[in-house]
N, C-alpha and C. Protein backbone atom coordinates (compact mmCIF):
# COMPACT_ATOMS: atom_id res chain seq x y z
N MET A 1 5.37 -3.49 -28.56
CA MET A 1 5.38 -5.26 -27.95
C MET A 1 4.03 -5.79 -28.00
N ASN A 2 4.05 -7.27 -28.90
CA ASN A 2 3.29 -6.99 -28.96
C ASN A 2 2.85 -8.92 -28.20
N VAL A 3 2.37 -8.97 -27.64
CA VAL A 3 2.07 -10.02 -26.23
C VAL A 3 1.05 -11.61 -27.39
N SER A 4 1.10 -12.33 -26.84
CA SER A 4 0.21 -13.64 -27.27
C SER A 4 -0.55 -13.66 -26.29
N LYS A 5 -1.77 -14.79 -26.22
CA LYS A 5 -2.27 -14.83 -25.36
C LYS A 5 -1.83 -15.89 -24.28
N SER A 6 -0.70 -16.52 -25.40
CA SER A 6 -0.61 -17.51 -24.43
C SER A 6 1.11 -16.85 -23.98
N GLU A 7 1.25 -16.02 -24.07
CA GLU A 7 2.71 -15.25 -23.72
C GLU A 7 1.75 -14.45 -22.44
N MET A 8 0.83 -14.41 -22.17
CA MET A 8 -0.12 -13.24 -20.70
C MET A 8 0.24 -13.59 -19.51
N PRO A 9 0.19 -15.27 -19.52
CA PRO A 9 0.10 -15.33 -18.12
C PRO A 9 2.02 -15.45 -17.43
N LEU A 10 2.95 -15.32 -17.79
CA LEU A 10 3.95 -15.72 -18.37
C LEU A 10 4.62 -13.95 -17.51
N TRP A 11 4.31 -12.90 -18.60
CA TRP A 11 4.12 -11.06 -18.30
C TRP A 11 3.86 -11.32 -17.47
N ILE A 12 2.01 -11.62 -17.01
CA ILE A 12 1.39 -11.12 -15.43
C ILE A 12 2.75 -11.44 -14.41
N SER A 13 2.61 -12.56 -14.24
CA SER A 13 3.52 -13.61 -13.13
C SER A 13 5.11 -12.52 -13.23
N LEU A 14 6.05 -12.69 -13.72
CA LEU A 14 7.10 -11.95 -14.21
C LEU A 14 6.91 -10.35 -13.30
N ILE A 15 5.67 -9.43 -13.62
CA ILE A 15 5.47 -8.44 -13.36
C ILE A 15 5.23 -8.39 -11.97
N SER A 16 4.40 -9.62 -11.57
CA SER A 16 3.98 -9.73 -10.11
C SER A 16 5.31 -9.60 -9.23
N LEU A 17 6.27 -10.52 -9.76
CA LEU A 17 7.34 -10.91 -8.63
C LEU A 17 7.91 -9.70 -8.79
N ILE A 18 8.56 -8.86 -10.19
CA ILE A 18 9.12 -7.77 -9.75
C ILE A 18 8.35 -6.95 -8.38
N GLY A 19 7.34 -6.21 -8.83
CA GLY A 19 6.60 -5.76 -8.00
C GLY A 19 6.61 -6.34 -6.44
N MET A 20 6.76 -7.60 -6.53
CA MET A 20 6.39 -7.66 -4.51
C MET A 20 8.00 -8.16 -4.51
N THR A 21 8.86 -7.52 -5.47
CA THR A 21 10.39 -7.62 -4.47
C THR A 21 10.55 -5.76 -4.84
N VAL A 22 10.08 -5.23 -5.61
CA VAL A 22 10.21 -3.21 -4.71
C VAL A 22 9.88 -3.06 -3.82
N PHE A 23 7.96 -4.01 -3.95
CA PHE A 23 7.31 -3.23 -3.11
C PHE A 23 7.00 -3.89 -2.05
N PRO A 24 7.94 -4.73 -1.25
CA PRO A 24 7.49 -6.11 -0.08
C PRO A 24 5.97 -5.25 0.91
N LEU A 25 5.72 -6.44 1.35
CA LEU A 25 5.09 -6.31 2.37
C LEU A 25 5.58 -5.83 3.34
N PRO A 26 4.91 -5.04 4.06
CA PRO A 26 5.32 -5.02 6.03
C PRO A 26 5.07 -6.37 6.43
N VAL A 27 5.26 -7.11 6.72
CA VAL A 27 5.74 -8.68 7.85
C VAL A 27 6.15 -7.91 8.47
N LYS A 28 6.95 -8.27 9.01
CA LYS A 28 7.73 -7.49 9.90
C LYS A 28 6.37 -6.90 11.41
N ALA A 29 6.09 -5.12 10.67
CA ALA A 29 5.86 -4.64 11.23
C ALA A 29 4.64 -4.54 11.84
N ASN A 30 4.02 -6.34 10.64
CA ASN A 30 1.84 -7.04 11.43
C ASN A 30 2.43 -7.81 12.33
N LEU A 31 3.59 -8.86 11.81
CA LEU A 31 4.46 -9.24 13.51
C LEU A 31 3.87 -8.91 15.06
N ARG A 32 4.72 -7.66 14.43
CA ARG A 32 5.10 -6.65 16.13
C ARG A 32 3.88 -6.23 16.87
N GLU A 33 3.06 -6.12 15.73
CA GLU A 33 0.96 -5.67 16.07
C GLU A 33 0.86 -6.62 16.33
N ALA A 34 0.61 -7.67 15.99
CA ALA A 34 -0.13 -9.46 15.94
C ALA A 34 1.09 -9.92 17.68
N GLY A 35 2.30 -9.85 17.93
CA GLY A 35 2.77 -10.12 19.10
C GLY A 35 2.14 -8.91 20.89
N ASN A 36 1.81 -7.66 20.02
CA ASN A 36 1.81 -7.32 21.20
C ASN A 36 -0.15 -6.87 21.34
N LYS A 37 -0.61 -7.62 19.93
CA LYS A 37 -2.88 -7.81 20.53
C LYS A 37 -2.64 -8.85 21.26
N ALA A 38 -1.61 -9.84 20.99
CA ALA A 38 -1.55 -11.65 21.78
C ALA A 38 -1.23 -11.27 23.32
N ALA A 39 0.16 -10.51 23.27
CA ALA A 39 0.54 -10.29 24.45
C ALA A 39 -0.21 -9.70 25.85
N GLN A 40 -0.91 -9.20 24.59
CA GLN A 40 -2.42 -7.65 26.29
C GLN A 40 -3.24 -8.99 26.09
N VAL A 41 -4.08 -9.25 25.37
CA VAL A 41 -4.58 -10.57 25.41
C VAL A 41 -4.47 -11.53 26.56
N TYR A 42 -3.61 -12.02 25.98
CA TYR A 42 -3.19 -13.02 27.00
C TYR A 42 -2.60 -12.75 28.24
N CYS A 43 -2.04 -11.74 28.62
CA CYS A 43 -1.69 -11.29 30.49
C CYS A 43 -3.00 -10.93 30.41
N TYR A 44 -4.03 -9.85 29.62
CA TYR A 44 -5.67 -9.67 30.41
C TYR A 44 -6.26 -11.45 30.53
N MET A 45 -6.20 -11.53 30.14
CA MET A 45 -7.06 -13.80 30.23
C MET A 45 -6.37 -13.76 31.36
N ARG A 46 -5.05 -13.82 31.79
CA ARG A 46 -3.74 -15.04 32.81
C ARG A 46 -4.27 -13.82 33.64
N GLU A 47 -4.47 -12.66 34.37
CA GLU A 47 -4.11 -12.42 35.19
C GLU A 47 -5.29 -12.36 35.56
N ASN A 48 -6.33 -12.09 34.44
CA ASN A 48 -8.14 -12.59 35.41
C ASN A 48 -8.27 -13.91 35.73
N ARG A 49 -7.98 -14.74 35.71
CA ARG A 49 -7.90 -16.19 36.25
C ARG A 49 -8.07 -17.11 35.45
N ASN A 50 -8.18 -16.55 34.70
CA ASN A 50 -8.21 -17.99 33.19
C ASN A 50 -6.85 -18.86 32.83
N PRO A 51 -7.17 -19.85 33.21
CA PRO A 51 -6.36 -21.41 32.78
C PRO A 51 -4.90 -20.10 31.32
N HIS A 52 -3.87 -21.04 31.24
CA HIS A 52 -3.66 -21.13 30.50
C HIS A 52 -4.59 -21.97 29.29
N GLU A 53 -4.69 -23.10 28.79
CA GLU A 53 -4.72 -23.56 28.09
C GLU A 53 -6.30 -22.66 27.55
N VAL A 54 -6.90 -21.95 27.74
CA VAL A 54 -8.70 -20.64 27.31
C VAL A 54 -7.61 -19.80 26.50
N SER A 55 -6.56 -19.50 27.58
CA SER A 55 -5.76 -17.75 27.13
C SER A 55 -5.15 -18.00 26.23
N TRP A 56 -4.25 -19.28 25.96
CA TRP A 56 -3.81 -20.16 24.65
C TRP A 56 -4.66 -19.61 23.21
N LYS A 57 -5.86 -20.43 23.70
CA LYS A 57 -6.47 -20.96 22.67
C LYS A 57 -6.78 -19.31 21.54
N ALA A 58 -7.46 -19.10 22.68
CA ALA A 58 -7.83 -17.00 22.43
C ALA A 58 -6.51 -16.54 21.39
N THR A 59 -5.17 -16.91 22.47
CA THR A 59 -4.59 -15.45 21.86
C THR A 59 -3.62 -16.25 20.95
N TYR A 60 -3.71 -17.49 20.85
CA TYR A 60 -3.06 -18.11 19.23
C TYR A 60 -4.51 -18.34 17.90
N ALA A 61 -6.46 -17.71 18.54
CA ALA A 61 -6.77 -18.00 17.07
C ALA A 61 -6.72 -16.39 17.29
N LEU A 62 -6.32 -15.86 17.42
CA LEU A 62 -6.19 -13.71 17.38
C LEU A 62 -4.44 -13.93 16.11
N ILE A 63 -3.11 -14.64 16.72
CA ILE A 63 -2.47 -14.52 16.40
C ILE A 63 -2.57 -14.81 13.96
N LYS A 64 -3.61 -15.84 14.37
CA LYS A 64 -3.31 -16.68 13.06
C LYS A 64 -4.45 -15.95 12.11
N ARG A 65 -5.01 -14.62 13.28
CA ARG A 65 -6.41 -14.21 12.24
C ARG A 65 -6.03 -12.45 11.79
N GLN A 66 -4.80 -12.34 13.29
CA GLN A 66 -3.74 -11.07 12.74
C GLN A 66 -3.03 -11.05 11.21
N SER A 67 -2.11 -12.44 11.40
CA SER A 67 -1.13 -12.85 10.18
C SER A 67 -2.20 -12.97 8.69
N ASN A 68 -1.26 -11.94 8.08
CA ASN A 68 -2.01 -12.05 7.02
C ASN A 68 -0.93 -12.27 5.87
N GLY A 69 0.16 -12.76 6.24
CA GLY A 69 1.16 -13.27 5.43
C GLY A 69 0.13 -14.64 4.52
N ILE A 70 1.19 -15.03 3.48
CA ILE A 70 0.77 -16.98 2.90
C ILE A 70 1.33 -17.43 3.71
N PHE A 71 2.17 -17.82 4.93
CA PHE A 71 1.95 -18.72 5.45
C PHE A 71 2.23 -18.78 7.07
N LYS A 72 1.11 -19.76 7.31
CA LYS A 72 0.54 -20.13 9.21
C LYS A 72 1.54 -19.68 9.95
N THR A 73 1.20 -19.25 10.44
CA THR A 73 2.38 -18.37 11.82
C THR A 73 2.16 -20.08 13.02
N SER A 74 3.14 -20.32 13.14
CA SER A 74 3.31 -21.87 14.02
C SER A 74 2.76 -21.25 15.84
N PRO A 75 2.74 -22.64 16.33
CA PRO A 75 2.16 -22.07 18.15
C PRO A 75 3.84 -21.55 18.68
N GLU A 76 4.67 -22.58 18.37
CA GLU A 76 5.46 -22.05 18.76
C GLU A 76 6.53 -20.93 18.38
N HIS A 77 6.32 -19.33 17.39
CA HIS A 77 6.09 -18.52 16.70
C HIS A 77 5.54 -17.88 18.04
N GLY A 78 4.40 -18.12 17.01
CA GLY A 78 3.21 -17.06 18.34
C GLY A 78 3.84 -17.27 19.83
N ALA A 79 3.83 -18.22 20.37
CA ALA A 79 4.58 -17.66 21.87
C ALA A 79 5.65 -16.88 21.99
N VAL A 80 6.96 -17.14 20.93
CA VAL A 80 7.75 -15.93 21.06
C VAL A 80 7.19 -15.11 20.76
N LEU A 81 6.65 -15.08 19.66
CA LEU A 81 5.78 -13.20 20.22
C LEU A 81 5.30 -12.27 21.21
N ILE A 82 4.24 -13.03 21.43
CA ILE A 82 3.73 -12.78 22.96
C ILE A 82 5.18 -12.41 23.99
N VAL A 83 6.27 -13.17 24.04
CA VAL A 83 7.41 -12.85 25.38
C VAL A 83 8.52 -12.41 24.47
N GLU A 84 8.25 -12.87 22.90
CA GLU A 84 9.42 -10.67 22.78
C GLU A 84 8.31 -9.15 23.59
N SER A 85 7.04 -8.92 23.25
CA SER A 85 6.41 -8.23 23.24
C SER A 85 6.40 -7.98 24.70
N VAL A 86 6.37 -8.56 26.20
CA VAL A 86 6.02 -8.48 27.54
C VAL A 86 7.63 -8.35 27.75
N VAL A 87 8.62 -8.87 27.18
CA VAL A 87 10.07 -8.54 27.73
C VAL A 87 10.96 -6.99 27.30
N GLN A 88 9.75 -6.53 25.67
CA GLN A 88 10.11 -5.76 25.01
C GLN A 88 9.75 -4.20 25.74
N ASN A 89 8.18 -5.06 26.68
CA ASN A 89 8.19 -4.44 27.23
C ASN A 89 7.01 -4.08 28.07
N PRO A 90 7.48 -4.23 28.95
CA PRO A 90 7.54 -4.78 31.04
C PRO A 90 7.03 -4.34 31.87
N ASP A 91 6.69 -2.23 31.17
CA ASP A 91 5.81 -1.73 31.66
C ASP A 91 4.33 -1.95 30.96
N ASN A 92 3.86 -1.97 30.06
CA ASN A 92 2.68 -2.01 29.54
C ASN A 92 2.24 -3.43 29.95
N PHE A 93 3.20 -4.46 30.71
CA PHE A 93 2.52 -5.89 30.49
C PHE A 93 2.96 -5.94 32.05
N PRO A 94 3.08 -5.50 33.66
CA PRO A 94 4.04 -5.52 34.83
C PRO A 94 4.29 -7.01 35.00
N ASP A 95 2.54 -7.29 35.23
CA ASP A 95 2.75 -8.38 36.31
C ASP A 95 2.30 -10.08 35.22
N CYS A 96 3.04 -9.46 33.80
CA CYS A 96 2.05 -10.84 33.01
C CYS A 96 4.07 -11.84 33.28
N GLY A 97 4.64 -11.14 33.29
CA GLY A 97 6.49 -11.84 33.46
C GLY A 97 6.17 -13.86 34.26
N LYS A 98 4.85 -13.35 35.04
CA LYS A 98 5.13 -14.99 35.41
C LYS A 98 4.57 -16.12 34.93
N TYR A 99 3.58 -15.59 33.45
CA TYR A 99 2.53 -16.27 32.91
C TYR A 99 3.31 -16.54 31.67
N LEU A 100 4.71 -16.50 31.41
CA LEU A 100 5.24 -16.59 30.26
C LEU A 100 5.72 -18.16 30.10
N GLY A 101 6.56 -18.96 31.57
CA GLY A 101 7.09 -19.88 31.41
C GLY A 101 5.69 -20.25 30.70
N ASP A 102 4.61 -20.83 31.38
CA ASP A 102 3.48 -21.37 30.69
C ASP A 102 3.11 -22.07 28.79
N LEU A 103 3.73 -20.42 28.31
CA LEU A 103 3.43 -20.64 26.76
C LEU A 103 4.21 -22.04 26.47
N PHE A 104 5.78 -22.87 27.18
CA PHE A 104 6.76 -23.10 26.77
C PHE A 104 6.45 -24.82 27.02
N ASP A 105 5.52 -24.71 28.48
CA ASP A 105 5.48 -25.47 29.36
C ASP A 105 4.43 -26.42 29.74
N SER A 106 3.59 -25.82 28.69
CA SER A 106 1.87 -26.45 28.91
C SER A 106 1.42 -27.41 27.89
N SER A 107 0.64 -28.63 28.44
CA SER A 107 0.23 -29.62 27.90
C SER A 107 -0.02 -28.90 26.14
N GLU A 108 -1.31 -28.24 26.50
CA GLU A 108 -1.52 -28.08 24.77
C GLU A 108 -0.67 -26.98 23.68
N THR A 109 -0.39 -26.36 24.35
CA THR A 109 0.52 -25.54 23.41
C THR A 109 1.67 -26.55 23.03
N LYS A 110 2.39 -27.45 24.14
CA LYS A 110 3.18 -29.15 23.35
C LYS A 110 2.93 -29.90 22.23
N ARG A 111 1.27 -30.04 22.60
CA ARG A 111 1.18 -30.92 21.39
C ARG A 111 0.36 -29.85 20.13
N GLU A 112 -0.07 -28.14 20.38
CA GLU A 112 0.63 -27.92 19.35
C GLU A 112 1.22 -27.70 18.29
N MET A 113 2.50 -27.65 19.02
CA MET A 113 4.14 -27.19 18.44
C MET A 113 4.52 -28.79 18.06
N ASN A 114 4.14 -30.03 18.72
CA ASN A 114 4.10 -31.60 18.61
C ASN A 114 3.51 -31.81 16.97
N ASN A 115 2.96 -31.37 16.60
CA ASN A 115 1.56 -31.04 15.44
C ASN A 115 2.42 -30.92 14.78
N THR A 116 2.65 -29.44 14.44
CA THR A 116 3.47 -28.53 13.43
C THR A 116 4.65 -29.21 13.02
N ASN A 117 5.38 -29.70 14.53
CA ASN A 117 7.01 -29.88 14.14
C ASN A 117 6.91 -31.35 13.03
N ASN A 118 5.76 -32.27 14.09
CA ASN A 118 5.29 -33.78 12.89
C ASN A 118 5.07 -33.05 10.97
N GLU A 119 3.94 -33.00 11.07
CA GLU A 119 3.96 -31.81 9.33
C GLU A 119 4.96 -31.34 8.81
N ASP A 120 6.06 -30.98 9.44
CA ASP A 120 7.44 -30.11 9.45
C ASP A 120 8.48 -31.69 8.43
N ASN A 121 8.35 -32.69 9.72
CA ASN A 121 9.00 -33.32 9.74
C ASN A 121 8.34 -34.63 8.46
N ARG A 122 8.07 -34.51 7.55
CA ARG A 122 6.82 -35.87 6.82
C ARG A 122 7.82 -36.17 6.48
N TYR A 123 9.05 -35.57 5.50
CA TYR A 123 9.83 -35.74 4.65
C TYR A 123 11.01 -35.31 4.59
N SER A 124 11.17 -36.01 6.41
CA SER A 124 12.37 -35.53 6.39
C SER A 124 12.62 -37.36 7.31
N PHE A 125 14.02 -38.12 6.55
CA PHE A 125 13.86 -39.16 7.34
C PHE A 125 15.25 -39.54 8.04
């Protein structure tokens, strides 16, 4: 099969798409690991009397750095990852449940969630 130079990008794109569907990246496992790490950091910081805002900033920075997908993890999804990790592994995070409400009630988290929602709604009328 002879491929001209003008057809080469098309073939490379096609092969890449086929490769991504046949060999998908393990995104769910990475998100689970990121959630566990985030829960460890958030709970550790809160249990050592750090305020929510400081703990959340450090944790969300970790979540953004850990996620290796194309799309950014939203603050709301980051908070959900932490809650899921704590609820699924209560023995690993014995005293952390009392801090989970702050993830959804804090002004810092709400501000970040609103900023993300405003960006998402910029095309809706």
